[in-house]
Each structure stands twice: as structure tokens, then as C-alpha cells.
Amino acid sequence: MNPTLSPQARRARTLLFVCFTIVYLVWGSTYLAIRVAVETLPPFLLAGARFLLAGVVLLLWLRLRGTAWPSRRQWRHATIVGVLLLAGGNGLVVWAEQSVPSALAALLVALTPVWFALLEWVRPRGLRPSVQAVIGIVVGFGGVVLLVFGQNALLSGGTVNYWGILALVLAGASWAAGSLWSRYHDHPASPWMTAAAQMTSGGAALLVIALVRGEAGQFAAGHASGRSWLALAYLVVFGSWVAFSAYIYLLKASTPPRIATYAYVNPVIAVFLGRLVLGETLSQQSLWAAAIILAGVVITTLPAKNPSP
């Protein structure tokens, strides 16, 4: 650590390091937790309960500590972000993991930084991607094509579930859209209040989707396995309270290229845990496709030597 830094700068640097570590490790493990949870819990009901519970409890705790309540404008933005990040981003991942292995889900969601570059380009007054970023976008989506349409594209001996694949690709796009909206619009000064408002809004939207789909009538608490309940508890405490709050802080305190590095690490953690705990084994072609996808993400997010004006 640089001794010339002020105590405040040291604390800020330490907090950044801790938040990055949390997002890397915890979010990498949530793909496994989701896969275990949806074995016996309905997907949107599971996701809605996770985020609504986490959001409401965190809101109450922050209010007891005297944290300022979001303004009406901030609540509106939190609702938009919550729907995009959690109902669209996380909800589609949870639904897809009923039929798609956790390792493959993590690889497809790793395309999120590519979506960042595309959406940043098309938004009003957005930044045009560099030639390097365009190459990365093409390479990344080329890896998806190989992953989806090649023979034996999923697990060894597995088959492709195209609806699940589509849901995961759209989940990455929705997550990127929500992250960009959060970055460029007004939110509370406290990143934890921001996270709480977004989780509450997103969780409520997910529960509405669950009710429309009739998942409440399908759910019986006695039929859910103990390990599914443990997975849900892990998702609430670590995936939501800890990791999501860390991510919201990073959106405010760091830069998009640095934040995007979680997309390199999460799939590695997810593939390792999927193999270790669930015995998921990716085919050789899947590993090649994964390498191409991650190469596209790296090319897209690395600083360009001659960025476009």
C-alpha cells in the first residue's frame, strides 16, 4: 500500500479491493446456488422472495440508522433499474437454469460487457466504440454461435435448450441496460440505500411475474428440499445483501472497464463449482467456445490505444 496516500484514500482503496473480491467470488458462486435452489423452488417466486426480503430488511435497517430515504425521483430510477437488473437480468437467469447447467449460464452471462459497449453506443449521446471494441463484440458473439449451434455444445452428452440460451443472452442485455441506467441517473448518496431500493423494486416485479405465471399455486413449502432452502438463504445473505451492494458501490466508485472484469472471473468460479459440486462437465467444443467468448469480452473491455472520439 502506498504510504503517501491519506488515511481516507487508503480506506477508499481497501473498500474497492474488498468490493471487487466479493463480486468476483460470491457472484461466481451464485450460479451454483441458483441451480440448486430451482431444483425444488419455482424460479420467479424464488427470485422475487430473495430480492424483496433482502431489500425490505436492508431498507428497515438503514432507516433505523438514520439513512436518508430516497426521493420520489430516486425511487422512480430505482424501480427502472430494479426491473432491468433483477427482473430481467437475474430473473431470466434463474428461469434458464431450470434447464441449462450453471457453468454454461455463467459463460453466456459473461457477454454482459459486450452488451455494455453496444448499449453505450446506441444510447442518446453515447460513446461510439473503438475498432478494438467492435472486434471484441464480433468475437464474443462468434463464441456464442459456436457454443449454441455446434455439435455437443453443452455438457458432454447433453443437448441444447435454445429457449434457455436465449433467456441467458437477453439477461445479459437487460443487466447491462440496468447498470448503465443506474450509472447515469440520480440515486441516493448511500450505495446501500440505492441497492435496497433497487432490490425491493426488482423483487416486487419478480413476484408479480410469479403470480401471473401461477407459481404461487404450484409452490408447496414441504416439497422443497433442505438444500434448496439453504441455497435461497445463501442467495439472500451473500448474493443480495453483500454482493449486490458491493456492485452498486463499484458502479459509483470505479470505471466500467474495471467493473467489467468480474465477467472474466465469475465463469471460472462457476465452472469450477459446477464440476466440483454437481459434476457438470463441459464438452471440448464448449471449452473452445468459452475461450472465444472470454477473449471477446477482454478485447471489448481493455482500454483502446486510439479510442474513437
C-alpha atoms as a PDB file:
ATOM      1  CA  MET A   1       0.000   0.000   0.000  1.00  0.00           C
ATOM      2  CA  ASN A   2       1.321   3.435  -0.926  1.00  0.00           C
ATOM      3  CA  PRO A   3       2.455   5.178   2.320  1.00  0.00           C
ATOM      4  CA  THR A   4       1.956   8.617   0.738  1.00  0.00           C
ATOM      5  CA  LEU A   5      -1.803   8.092   0.489  1.00  0.00           C
ATOM      6  CA  SER A   6      -4.003   9.798   3.047  1.00  0.00           C
ATOM      7  CA  PRO A   7      -5.947   7.593   5.509  1.00  0.00           C
ATOM      8  CA  GLN A   8      -9.150   8.411   3.626  1.00  0.00           C
ATOM      9  CA  ALA A   9      -7.598   7.363   0.292  1.00  0.00           C
ATOM     10  CA  ARG A  10      -6.317   4.140   1.856  1.00  0.00           C
ATOM     11  CA  ARG A  11      -9.770   3.309   3.183  1.00  0.00           C
ATOM     12  CA  ALA A  12     -11.295   4.004  -0.227  1.00  0.00           C
ATOM     13  CA  ARG A  13      -8.734   1.768  -1.949  1.00  0.00           C
ATOM     14  CA  THR A  14      -9.282  -1.010   0.603  1.00  0.00           C
ATOM     15  CA  LEU A  15     -13.050  -0.786   0.162  1.00  0.00           C
ATOM     16  CA  LEU A  16     -12.649  -1.032  -3.614  1.00  0.00           C
ATOM     17  CA  PHE A  17     -10.478  -4.138  -3.238  1.00  0.00           C
ATOM     18  CA  VAL A  18     -12.964  -5.768  -0.859  1.00  0.00           C
ATOM     19  CA  CYS A  19     -15.929  -4.988  -3.113  1.00  0.00           C
ATOM     20  CA  PHE A  20     -14.199  -6.363  -6.207  1.00  0.00           C
ATOM     21  CA  THR A  21     -13.264  -9.548  -4.337  1.00  0.00           C
ATOM     22  CA  ILE A  22     -16.844 -10.012  -3.160  1.00  0.00           C
ATOM     23  CA  VAL A  23     -18.292  -9.529  -6.650  1.00  0.00           C
ATOM     24  CA  TYR A  24     -15.712 -11.903  -8.157  1.00  0.00           C
ATOM     25  CA  LEU A  25     -16.133 -14.761  -5.697  1.00  0.00           C
ATOM     26  CA  VAL A  26     -19.695 -14.501  -4.430  1.00  0.00           C
ATOM     27  CA  TRP A  27     -21.355 -13.837  -7.784  1.00  0.00           C
ATOM     28  CA  GLY A  28     -19.331 -16.647  -9.314  1.00  0.00           C
ATOM     29  CA  SER A  29     -20.833 -18.992  -6.720  1.00  0.00           C
ATOM     30  CA  THR A  30     -24.431 -17.783  -7.118  1.00  0.00           C
ATOM     31  CA  TYR A  31     -24.850 -19.692 -10.401  1.00  0.00           C
ATOM     32  CA  LEU A  32     -24.395 -22.917  -8.449  1.00  0.00           C
ATOM     33  CA  ALA A  33     -26.729 -21.702  -5.682  1.00  0.00           C
ATOM     34  CA  ILE A  34     -29.425 -20.806  -8.217  1.00  0.00           C
ATOM     35  CA  ARG A  35     -29.114 -24.185  -9.937  1.00  0.00           C
ATOM     36  CA  VAL A  36     -29.578 -25.943  -6.578  1.00  0.00           C
ATOM     37  CA  ALA A  37     -32.447 -23.679  -5.491  1.00  0.00           C
ATOM     38  CA  VAL A  38     -34.538 -24.195  -8.662  1.00  0.00           C
ATOM     39  CA  GLU A  39     -34.399 -27.966  -8.217  1.00  0.00           C
ATOM     40  CA  THR A  40     -37.474 -27.686  -5.975  1.00  0.00           C
ATOM     41  CA  LEU A  41     -38.419 -23.967  -5.881  1.00  0.00           C
ATOM     42  CA  PRO A  42     -40.348 -22.085  -8.641  1.00  0.00           C
ATOM     43  CA  PRO A  43     -37.924 -19.730 -10.438  1.00  0.00           C
ATOM     44  CA  PHE A  44     -39.609 -16.314 -10.346  1.00  0.00           C
ATOM     45  CA  LEU A  45     -41.116 -16.922  -6.895  1.00  0.00           C
ATOM     46  CA  LEU A  46     -37.634 -17.843  -5.684  1.00  0.00           C
ATOM     47  CA  ALA A  47     -36.002 -14.761  -7.223  1.00  0.00           C
ATOM     48  CA  GLY A  48     -38.797 -12.447  -6.059  1.00  0.00           C
ATOM     49  CA  ALA A  49     -38.688 -13.705  -2.477  1.00  0.00           C
ATOM     50  CA  ARG A  50     -34.898 -13.398  -2.480  1.00  0.00           C
ATOM     51  CA  PHE A  51     -34.738  -9.769  -3.526  1.00  0.00           C
ATOM     52  CA  LEU A  52     -37.889  -8.485  -1.821  1.00  0.00           C
ATOM     53  CA  LEU A  53     -36.827  -9.968   1.514  1.00  0.00           C
ATOM     54  CA  ALA A  54     -33.278  -8.692   1.128  1.00  0.00           C
ATOM     55  CA  GLY A  55     -34.446  -5.248   0.019  1.00  0.00           C
ATOM     56  CA  VAL A  56     -37.073  -4.683   2.713  1.00  0.00           C
ATOM     57  CA  VAL A  57     -34.819  -5.847   5.567  1.00  0.00           C
ATOM     58  CA  LEU A  58     -31.953  -3.658   4.317  1.00  0.00           C
ATOM     59  CA  LEU A  59     -34.319  -0.663   3.938  1.00  0.00           C
ATOM     60  CA  LEU A  60     -35.553  -1.027   7.509  1.00  0.00           C
ATOM     61  CA  TRP A  61     -32.017  -1.411   8.873  1.00  0.00           C
ATOM     62  CA  LEU A  62     -30.818   1.694   7.019  1.00  0.00           C
ATOM     63  CA  ARG A  63     -33.772   3.752   8.196  1.00  0.00           C
ATOM     64  CA  LEU A  64     -33.114   2.727  11.803  1.00  0.00           C
ATOM     65  CA  ARG A  65     -29.568   4.013  11.328  1.00  0.00           C
ATOM     66  CA  GLY A  66     -30.912   7.341  10.057  1.00  0.00           C
ATOM     67  CA  THR A  67     -30.003   6.955   6.380  1.00  0.00           C
ATOM     68  CA  ALA A  68     -31.956   9.398   4.204  1.00  0.00           C
ATOM     69  CA  TRP A  69     -34.983   7.999   2.357  1.00  0.00           C
ATOM     70  CA  PRO A  70     -34.826   8.123  -1.471  1.00  0.00           C
ATOM     71  CA  SER A  71     -36.704  10.972  -3.145  1.00  0.00           C
ATOM     72  CA  ARG A  72     -39.642  10.273  -5.454  1.00  0.00           C
ATOM     73  CA  ARG A  73     -37.353  10.759  -8.452  1.00  0.00           C
ATOM     74  CA  GLN A  74     -34.770   8.386  -6.988  1.00  0.00           C
ATOM     75  CA  TRP A  75     -37.456   5.777  -6.318  1.00  0.00           C
ATOM     76  CA  ARG A  76     -38.537   6.006  -9.960  1.00  0.00           C
ATOM     77  CA  HIS A  77     -34.995   5.408 -11.170  1.00  0.00           C
ATOM     78  CA  ALA A  78     -34.511   2.621  -8.614  1.00  0.00           C
ATOM     79  CA  THR A  79     -37.635   0.914  -9.934  1.00  0.00           C
ATOM     80  CA  ILE A  80     -36.403   1.079 -13.536  1.00  0.00           C
ATOM     81  CA  VAL A  81     -33.003  -0.266 -12.550  1.00  0.00           C
ATOM     82  CA  GLY A  82     -34.507  -2.949 -10.298  1.00  0.00           C
ATOM     83  CA  VAL A  83     -36.737  -4.227 -13.098  1.00  0.00           C
ATOM     84  CA  LEU A  84     -33.870  -4.293 -15.619  1.00  0.00           C
ATOM     85  CA  LEU A  85     -31.189  -5.728 -13.316  1.00  0.00           C
ATOM     86  CA  LEU A  86     -33.228  -8.131 -11.237  1.00  0.00           C
ATOM     87  CA  ALA A  87     -36.486  -8.982 -13.025  1.00  0.00           C
ATOM     88  CA  GLY A  88     -34.865  -9.007 -16.464  1.00  0.00           C
ATOM     89  CA  GLY A  89     -31.261  -9.844 -15.643  1.00  0.00           C
ATOM     90  CA  ASN A  90     -31.441 -12.200 -12.664  1.00  0.00           C
ATOM     91  CA  GLY A  91     -34.979 -13.465 -13.234  1.00  0.00           C
ATOM     92  CA  LEU A  92     -34.171 -14.801 -16.697  1.00  0.00           C
ATOM     93  CA  VAL A  93     -31.007 -16.469 -15.371  1.00  0.00           C
ATOM     94  CA  VAL A  94     -32.983 -18.238 -12.641  1.00  0.00           C
ATOM     95  CA  TRP A  95     -35.635 -19.378 -15.138  1.00  0.00           C
ATOM     96  CA  ALA A  96     -32.998 -20.587 -17.605  1.00  0.00           C
ATOM     97  CA  GLU A  97     -31.091 -22.580 -15.002  1.00  0.00           C
ATOM     98  CA  GLN A  98     -34.013 -24.985 -14.707  1.00  0.00           C
ATOM     99  CA  SER A  99     -32.717 -26.492 -17.963  1.00  0.00           C
ATOM    100  CA  VAL A 100     -29.245 -25.018 -18.514  1.00  0.00           C
ATOM    101  CA  PRO A 101     -26.195 -26.051 -16.431  1.00  0.00           C
ATOM    102  CA  SER A 102     -24.814 -23.420 -14.074  1.00  0.00           C
ATOM    103  CA  ALA A 103     -21.424 -23.416 -15.815  1.00  0.00           C
ATOM    104  CA  LEU A 104     -22.971 -22.681 -19.205  1.00  0.00           C
ATOM    105  CA  ALA A 105     -25.225 -19.988 -17.725  1.00  0.00           C
ATOM    106  CA  ALA A 106     -22.188 -18.184 -16.328  1.00  0.00           C
ATOM    107  CA  LEU A 107     -20.392 -18.345 -19.686  1.00  0.00           C
ATOM    108  CA  LEU A 108     -23.314 -16.799 -21.560  1.00  0.00           C
ATOM    109  CA  VAL A 109     -23.887 -14.077 -18.971  1.00  0.00           C
ATOM    110  CA  ALA A 110     -20.176 -13.269 -19.330  1.00  0.00           C
ATOM    111  CA  LEU A 111     -21.193 -11.458 -22.530  1.00  0.00           C
ATOM    112  CA  THR A 112     -22.636  -8.638 -20.409  1.00  0.00           C
ATOM    113  CA  PRO A 113     -19.666  -6.258 -21.020  1.00  0.00           C
ATOM    114  CA  VAL A 114     -20.215  -6.702 -24.759  1.00  0.00           C
ATOM    115  CA  TRP A 115     -23.792  -5.557 -24.246  1.00  0.00           C
ATOM    116  CA  PHE A 116     -22.418  -2.624 -22.223  1.00  0.00           C
ATOM    117  CA  ALA A 117     -20.421  -1.481 -25.252  1.00  0.00           C
ATOM    118  CA  LEU A 118     -23.359  -1.863 -27.636  1.00  0.00           C
ATOM    119  CA  LEU A 119     -25.884  -0.102 -25.405  1.00  0.00           C
ATOM    120  CA  GLU A 120     -23.438   2.672 -24.548  1.00  0.00           C
ATOM    121  CA  TRP A 121     -23.123   3.233 -28.292  1.00  0.00           C
ATOM    122  CA  VAL A 122     -26.851   3.437 -29.040  1.00  0.00           C
ATOM    123  CA  ARG A 123     -27.972   5.459 -26.019  1.00  0.00           C
ATOM    124  CA  PRO A 124     -28.547   9.200 -26.519  1.00  0.00           C
ATOM    125  CA  ARG A 125     -25.173  10.990 -26.555  1.00  0.00           C
ATOM    126  CA  GLY A 126     -23.492   7.641 -26.125  1.00  0.00           C
ATOM    127  CA  LEU A 127     -19.891   6.854 -26.919  1.00  0.00           C
ATOM    128  CA  ARG A 128     -19.003   5.203 -30.207  1.00  0.00           C
ATOM    129  CA  PRO A 129     -16.971   2.010 -29.606  1.00  0.00           C
ATOM    130  CA  SER A 130     -13.410   1.840 -30.835  1.00  0.00           C
ATOM    131  CA  VAL A 131     -12.401  -0.509 -33.632  1.00  0.00           C
ATOM    132  CA  GLN A 132     -10.939  -2.743 -30.921  1.00  0.00           C
ATOM    133  CA  ALA A 133     -14.292  -2.872 -29.106  1.00  0.00           C
ATOM    134  CA  VAL A 134     -16.148  -3.708 -32.328  1.00  0.00           C
ATOM    135  CA  ILE A 135     -13.741  -6.591 -32.921  1.00  0.00           C
ATOM    136  CA  GLY A 136     -14.362  -7.779 -29.363  1.00  0.00           C
ATOM    137  CA  ILE A 137     -18.127  -7.634 -29.876  1.00  0.00           C
ATOM    138  CA  VAL A 138     -17.882  -9.728 -33.051  1.00  0.00           C
ATOM    139  CA  VAL A 139     -15.556 -12.257 -31.401  1.00  0.00           C
ATOM    140  CA  GLY A 140     -17.782 -12.555 -28.321  1.00  0.00           C
ATOM    141  CA  PHE A 141     -20.941 -13.250 -30.285  1.00  0.00           C
ATOM    142  CA  GLY A 142     -18.980 -15.621 -32.521  1.00  0.00           C
ATOM    143  CA  GLY A 143     -18.245 -17.673 -29.417  1.00  0.00           C
ATOM    144  CA  VAL A 144     -21.948 -17.786 -28.593  1.00  0.00           C
ATOM    145  CA  VAL A 145     -22.740 -19.052 -32.103  1.00  0.00           C
ATOM    146  CA  LEU A 146     -20.165 -21.821 -31.703  1.00  0.00           C
ATOM    147  CA  LEU A 147     -21.489 -22.657 -28.239  1.00  0.00           C
ATOM    148  CA  VAL A 148     -25.120 -22.871 -29.310  1.00  0.00           C
ATOM    149  CA  PHE A 149     -25.044 -24.314 -32.806  1.00  0.00           C
ATOM    150  CA  GLY A 150     -22.057 -26.642 -32.675  1.00  0.00           C
ATOM    151  CA  GLN A 151     -22.473 -30.327 -32.039  1.00  0.00           C
ATOM    152  CA  ASN A 152     -22.371 -31.396 -28.363  1.00  0.00           C
ATOM    153  CA  ALA A 153     -22.420 -27.753 -27.414  1.00  0.00           C
ATOM    154  CA  LEU A 154     -23.389 -28.142 -23.778  1.00  0.00           C
ATOM    155  CA  LEU A 155     -22.351 -30.769 -21.311  1.00  0.00           C
ATOM    156  CA  SER A 156     -20.663 -33.886 -22.550  1.00  0.00           C
ATOM    157  CA  GLY A 157     -23.556 -35.937 -23.906  1.00  0.00           C
ATOM    158  CA  GLY A 158     -26.006 -33.036 -23.392  1.00  0.00           C
ATOM    159  CA  THR A 159     -28.393 -31.226 -25.728  1.00  0.00           C
ATOM    160  CA  VAL A 160     -29.053 -27.582 -26.420  1.00  0.00           C
ATOM    161  CA  ASN A 161     -32.045 -25.861 -24.798  1.00  0.00           C
ATOM    162  CA  TYR A 162     -32.497 -22.922 -27.140  1.00  0.00           C
ATOM    163  CA  TRP A 163     -35.082 -21.078 -25.017  1.00  0.00           C
ATOM    164  CA  GLY A 164     -32.757 -21.218 -22.038  1.00  0.00           C
ATOM    165  CA  ILE A 165     -29.858 -19.957 -24.167  1.00  0.00           C
ATOM    166  CA  LEU A 166     -31.965 -17.080 -25.496  1.00  0.00           C
ATOM    167  CA  ALA A 167     -33.085 -16.173 -21.966  1.00  0.00           C
ATOM    168  CA  LEU A 168     -29.453 -16.013 -20.797  1.00  0.00           C
ATOM    169  CA  VAL A 169     -28.374 -13.808 -23.702  1.00  0.00           C
ATOM    170  CA  LEU A 170     -31.299 -11.447 -23.029  1.00  0.00           C
ATOM    171  CA  ALA A 171     -30.475 -11.499 -19.309  1.00  0.00           C
ATOM    172  CA  GLY A 172     -27.027 -10.097 -20.056  1.00  0.00           C
ATOM    173  CA  ALA A 173     -28.517  -7.343 -22.217  1.00  0.00           C
ATOM    174  CA  SER A 174     -31.045  -6.429 -19.511  1.00  0.00           C
ATOM    175  CA  TRP A 175     -28.349  -6.373 -16.830  1.00  0.00           C
ATOM    176  CA  ALA A 176     -26.158  -4.079 -18.929  1.00  0.00           C
ATOM    177  CA  ALA A 177     -29.102  -1.743 -19.594  1.00  0.00           C
ATOM    178  CA  GLY A 178     -29.913  -1.540 -15.881  1.00  0.00           C
ATOM    179  CA  SER A 179     -26.290  -0.905 -14.949  1.00  0.00           C
ATOM    180  CA  LEU A 180     -25.985   1.927 -17.479  1.00  0.00           C
ATOM    181  CA  TRP A 181     -29.244   3.498 -16.288  1.00  0.00           C
ATOM    182  CA  SER A 182     -28.010   3.319 -12.690  1.00  0.00           C
ATOM    183  CA  ARG A 183     -24.705   4.942 -13.639  1.00  0.00           C
ATOM    184  CA  TYR A 184     -26.197   7.920 -15.479  1.00  0.00           C
ATOM    185  CA  HIS A 185     -29.271   8.719 -13.359  1.00  0.00           C
ATOM    186  CA  ASP A 186     -29.864  10.159  -9.897  1.00  0.00           C
ATOM    187  CA  HIS A 187     -29.704   7.813  -6.909  1.00  0.00           C
ATOM    188  CA  PRO A 188     -29.333   8.166  -3.106  1.00  0.00           C
ATOM    189  CA  ALA A 189     -25.956   9.179  -1.705  1.00  0.00           C
ATOM    190  CA  SER A 190     -25.745   5.870   0.175  1.00  0.00           C
ATOM    191  CA  PRO A 191     -24.931   2.972  -2.186  1.00  0.00           C
ATOM    192  CA  TRP A 192     -26.589   0.598   0.268  1.00  0.00           C
ATOM    193  CA  MET A 193     -29.842   2.610   0.210  1.00  0.00           C
ATOM    194  CA  THR A 194     -29.602   2.517  -3.590  1.00  0.00           C
ATOM    195  CA  ALA A 195     -29.181  -1.263  -3.506  1.00  0.00           C
ATOM    196  CA  ALA A 196     -32.048  -1.658  -1.037  1.00  0.00           C
ATOM    197  CA  ALA A 197     -34.445   0.405  -3.167  1.00  0.00           C
ATOM    198  CA  GLN A 198     -33.491  -1.489  -6.315  1.00  0.00           C
ATOM    199  CA  MET A 199     -33.815  -4.902  -4.659  1.00  0.00           C
ATOM    200  CA  THR A 200     -37.211  -4.001  -3.212  1.00  0.00           C
ATOM    201  CA  SER A 201     -38.500  -2.777  -6.586  1.00  0.00           C
ATOM    202  CA  GLY A 202     -36.998  -5.651  -8.553  1.00  0.00           C
ATOM    203  CA  GLY A 203     -38.202  -8.239  -6.041  1.00  0.00           C
ATOM    204  CA  ALA A 204     -41.758  -6.875  -6.216  1.00  0.00           C
ATOM    205  CA  ALA A 205     -41.656  -7.049 -10.042  1.00  0.00           C
ATOM    206  CA  LEU A 206     -40.428 -10.659  -9.891  1.00  0.00           C
ATOM    207  CA  LEU A 207     -43.251 -11.625  -7.534  1.00  0.00           C
ATOM    208  CA  VAL A 208     -45.787 -10.092  -9.927  1.00  0.00           C
ATOM    209  CA  ILE A 209     -44.316 -12.219 -12.729  1.00  0.00           C
ATOM    210  CA  ALA A 210     -44.507 -15.291 -10.465  1.00  0.00           C
ATOM    211  CA  LEU A 211     -48.176 -14.623  -9.698  1.00  0.00           C
ATOM    212  CA  VAL A 212     -49.036 -14.115 -13.369  1.00  0.00           C
ATOM    213  CA  ARG A 213     -47.307 -17.425 -14.167  1.00  0.00           C
ATOM    214  CA  GLY A 214     -49.269 -19.203 -11.421  1.00  0.00           C
ATOM    215  CA  GLU A 215     -46.160 -20.161  -9.463  1.00  0.00           C
ATOM    216  CA  ALA A 216     -47.803 -19.428  -6.101  1.00  0.00           C
ATOM    217  CA  GLY A 217     -50.324 -22.205  -6.733  1.00  0.00           C
ATOM    218  CA  GLN A 218     -47.541 -24.606  -7.716  1.00  0.00           C
ATOM    219  CA  PHE A 219     -45.478 -23.981  -4.593  1.00  0.00           C
ATOM    220  CA  ALA A 220     -45.620 -26.232  -1.541  1.00  0.00           C
ATOM    221  CA  ALA A 221     -43.085 -25.500   1.174  1.00  0.00           C
ATOM    222  CA  GLY A 222     -42.999 -29.121   2.283  1.00  0.00           C
ATOM    223  CA  HIS A 223     -41.914 -30.269  -1.161  1.00  0.00           C
ATOM    224  CA  ALA A 224     -38.844 -28.024  -1.279  1.00  0.00           C
ATOM    225  CA  SER A 225     -35.599 -29.741  -0.345  1.00  0.00           C
ATOM    226  CA  GLY A 226     -33.393 -28.629   2.507  1.00  0.00           C
ATOM    227  CA  ARG A 227     -30.548 -27.807   0.172  1.00  0.00           C
ATOM    228  CA  SER A 228     -32.824 -25.600  -1.942  1.00  0.00           C
ATOM    229  CA  TRP A 229     -33.749 -23.616   1.192  1.00  0.00           C
ATOM    230  CA  LEU A 230     -30.065 -23.318   2.121  1.00  0.00           C
ATOM    231  CA  ALA A 231     -29.292 -22.107  -1.403  1.00  0.00           C
ATOM    232  CA  LEU A 232     -32.043 -19.475  -1.107  1.00  0.00           C
ATOM    233  CA  ALA A 233     -30.619 -18.299   2.238  1.00  0.00           C
ATOM    234  CA  TYR A 234     -27.155 -18.022   0.662  1.00  0.00           C
ATOM    235  CA  LEU A 235     -28.579 -16.001  -2.236  1.00  0.00           C
ATOM    236  CA  VAL A 236     -30.357 -13.592   0.124  1.00  0.00           C
ATOM    237  CA  VAL A 237     -27.435 -13.006   2.504  1.00  0.00           C
ATOM    238  CA  PHE A 238     -24.397 -13.206   0.246  1.00  0.00           C
ATOM    239  CA  GLY A 239     -25.750 -12.802  -3.281  1.00  0.00           C
ATOM    240  CA  SER A 240     -28.053  -9.868  -2.421  1.00  0.00           C
ATOM    241  CA  TRP A 241     -27.076  -8.085   0.788  1.00  0.00           C
ATOM    242  CA  VAL A 242     -23.335  -8.478   0.352  1.00  0.00           C
ATOM    243  CA  ALA A 243     -22.505  -8.823  -3.357  1.00  0.00           C
ATOM    244  CA  PHE A 244     -25.253  -6.696  -4.917  1.00  0.00           C
ATOM    245  CA  SER A 245     -24.495  -3.836  -2.519  1.00  0.00           C
ATOM    246  CA  ALA A 246     -20.806  -4.151  -3.417  1.00  0.00           C
ATOM    247  CA  TYR A 247     -21.674  -3.991  -7.121  1.00  0.00           C
ATOM    248  CA  ILE A 248     -23.786  -0.859  -6.699  1.00  0.00           C
ATOM    249  CA  TYR A 249     -20.878   0.760  -4.836  1.00  0.00           C
ATOM    250  CA  LEU A 250     -18.492  -0.143  -7.666  1.00  0.00           C
ATOM    251  CA  LEU A 251     -20.823   1.421 -10.257  1.00  0.00           C
ATOM    252  CA  LYS A 252     -20.345   4.695  -8.415  1.00  0.00           C
ATOM    253  CA  ALA A 253     -16.699   4.398  -7.353  1.00  0.00           C
ATOM    254  CA  SER A 254     -14.952   2.624 -10.242  1.00  0.00           C
ATOM    255  CA  THR A 255     -14.872   2.676 -14.049  1.00  0.00           C
ATOM    256  CA  PRO A 256     -16.862   0.460 -16.478  1.00  0.00           C
ATOM    257  CA  PRO A 257     -13.755  -1.359 -17.840  1.00  0.00           C
ATOM    258  CA  ARG A 258     -12.624  -2.260 -14.336  1.00  0.00           C
ATOM    259  CA  ILE A 259     -16.099  -3.274 -13.212  1.00  0.00           C
ATOM    260  CA  ALA A 260     -16.433  -5.448 -16.314  1.00  0.00           C
ATOM    261  CA  THR A 261     -13.550  -7.631 -15.134  1.00  0.00           C
ATOM    262  CA  TYR A 262     -15.998  -9.620 -12.995  1.00  0.00           C
ATOM    263  CA  ALA A 263     -17.173 -11.137 -16.281  1.00  0.00           C
ATOM    264  CA  TYR A 264     -13.759 -12.835 -16.639  1.00  0.00           C
ATOM    265  CA  VAL A 265     -13.701 -14.278 -13.135  1.00  0.00           C
ATOM    266  CA  ASN A 266     -17.326 -15.321 -12.499  1.00  0.00           C
ATOM    267  CA  PRO A 267     -17.420 -18.010 -15.230  1.00  0.00           C
ATOM    268  CA  VAL A 268     -14.197 -19.571 -13.938  1.00  0.00           C
ATOM    269  CA  ILE A 269     -15.633 -19.800 -10.411  1.00  0.00           C
ATOM    270  CA  ALA A 270     -18.964 -21.108 -11.733  1.00  0.00           C
ATOM    271  CA  VAL A 271     -17.382 -23.781 -13.948  1.00  0.00           C
ATOM    272  CA  PHE A 272     -15.138 -24.958 -11.092  1.00  0.00           C
ATOM    273  CA  LEU A 273     -18.003 -25.159  -8.572  1.00  0.00           C
ATOM    274  CA  GLY A 274     -20.397 -26.750 -11.087  1.00  0.00           C
ATOM    275  CA  ARG A 275     -17.864 -29.505 -11.716  1.00  0.00           C
ATOM    276  CA  LEU A 276     -16.934 -29.911  -8.045  1.00  0.00           C
ATOM    277  CA  VAL A 277     -20.450 -29.937  -6.553  1.00  0.00           C
ATOM    278  CA  LEU A 278     -22.801 -31.026  -9.361  1.00  0.00           C
ATOM    279  CA  GLY A 279     -20.430 -32.969 -11.580  1.00  0.00           C
ATOM    280  CA  GLU A 280     -21.037 -30.707 -14.602  1.00  0.00           C
ATOM    281  CA  THR A 281     -18.526 -31.420 -17.353  1.00  0.00           C
ATOM    282  CA  LEU A 282     -18.287 -29.145 -20.381  1.00  0.00           C
ATOM    283  CA  SER A 283     -17.531 -30.694 -23.749  1.00  0.00           C
ATOM    284  CA  GLN A 284     -14.315 -29.818 -25.583  1.00  0.00           C
ATOM    285  CA  GLN A 285     -16.230 -27.640 -28.034  1.00  0.00           C
ATOM    286  CA  SER A 286     -17.845 -25.792 -25.136  1.00  0.00           C
ATOM    287  CA  LEU A 287     -14.415 -25.023 -23.708  1.00  0.00           C
ATOM    288  CA  TRP A 288     -13.259 -23.614 -27.058  1.00  0.00           C
ATOM    289  CA  ALA A 289     -16.432 -21.516 -27.292  1.00  0.00           C
ATOM    290  CA  ALA A 290     -15.924 -20.323 -23.715  1.00  0.00           C
ATOM    291  CA  ALA A 291     -12.379 -19.243 -24.529  1.00  0.00           C
ATOM    292  CA  ILE A 292     -13.638 -17.293 -27.577  1.00  0.00           C
ATOM    293  CA  ILE A 293     -16.399 -15.592 -25.557  1.00  0.00           C
ATOM    294  CA  LEU A 294     -13.983 -14.534 -22.819  1.00  0.00           C
ATOM    295  CA  ALA A 295     -11.471 -13.356 -25.440  1.00  0.00           C
ATOM    296  CA  GLY A 296     -14.196 -11.164 -26.937  1.00  0.00           C
ATOM    297  CA  VAL A 297     -15.006  -9.732 -23.506  1.00  0.00           C
ATOM    298  CA  VAL A 298     -11.328  -8.981 -22.823  1.00  0.00           C
ATOM    299  CA  ILE A 299     -10.877  -7.304 -26.221  1.00  0.00           C
ATOM    300  CA  THR A 300     -14.026  -5.232 -25.681  1.00  0.00           C
ATOM    301  CA  THR A 301     -13.153  -4.006 -22.188  1.00  0.00           C
ATOM    302  CA  LEU A 302      -9.414  -3.394 -22.427  1.00  0.00           C
ATOM    303  CA  PRO A 303      -8.548   0.293 -22.968  1.00  0.00           C
ATOM    304  CA  ALA A 304      -8.005   1.055 -26.651  1.00  0.00           C
ATOM    305  CA  LYS A 305      -4.723   2.639 -27.678  1.00  0.00           C
ATOM    306  CA  ASN A 306      -6.519   5.034 -30.025  1.00  0.00           C
ATOM    307  CA  PRO A 307     -10.107   5.377 -28.767  1.00  0.00           C
ATOM    308  CA  SER A 308     -12.703   6.838 -31.078  1.00  0.00           C
ATOM    309  CA  PRO A 309     -13.667  10.457 -30.341  1.00  0.00           C
END
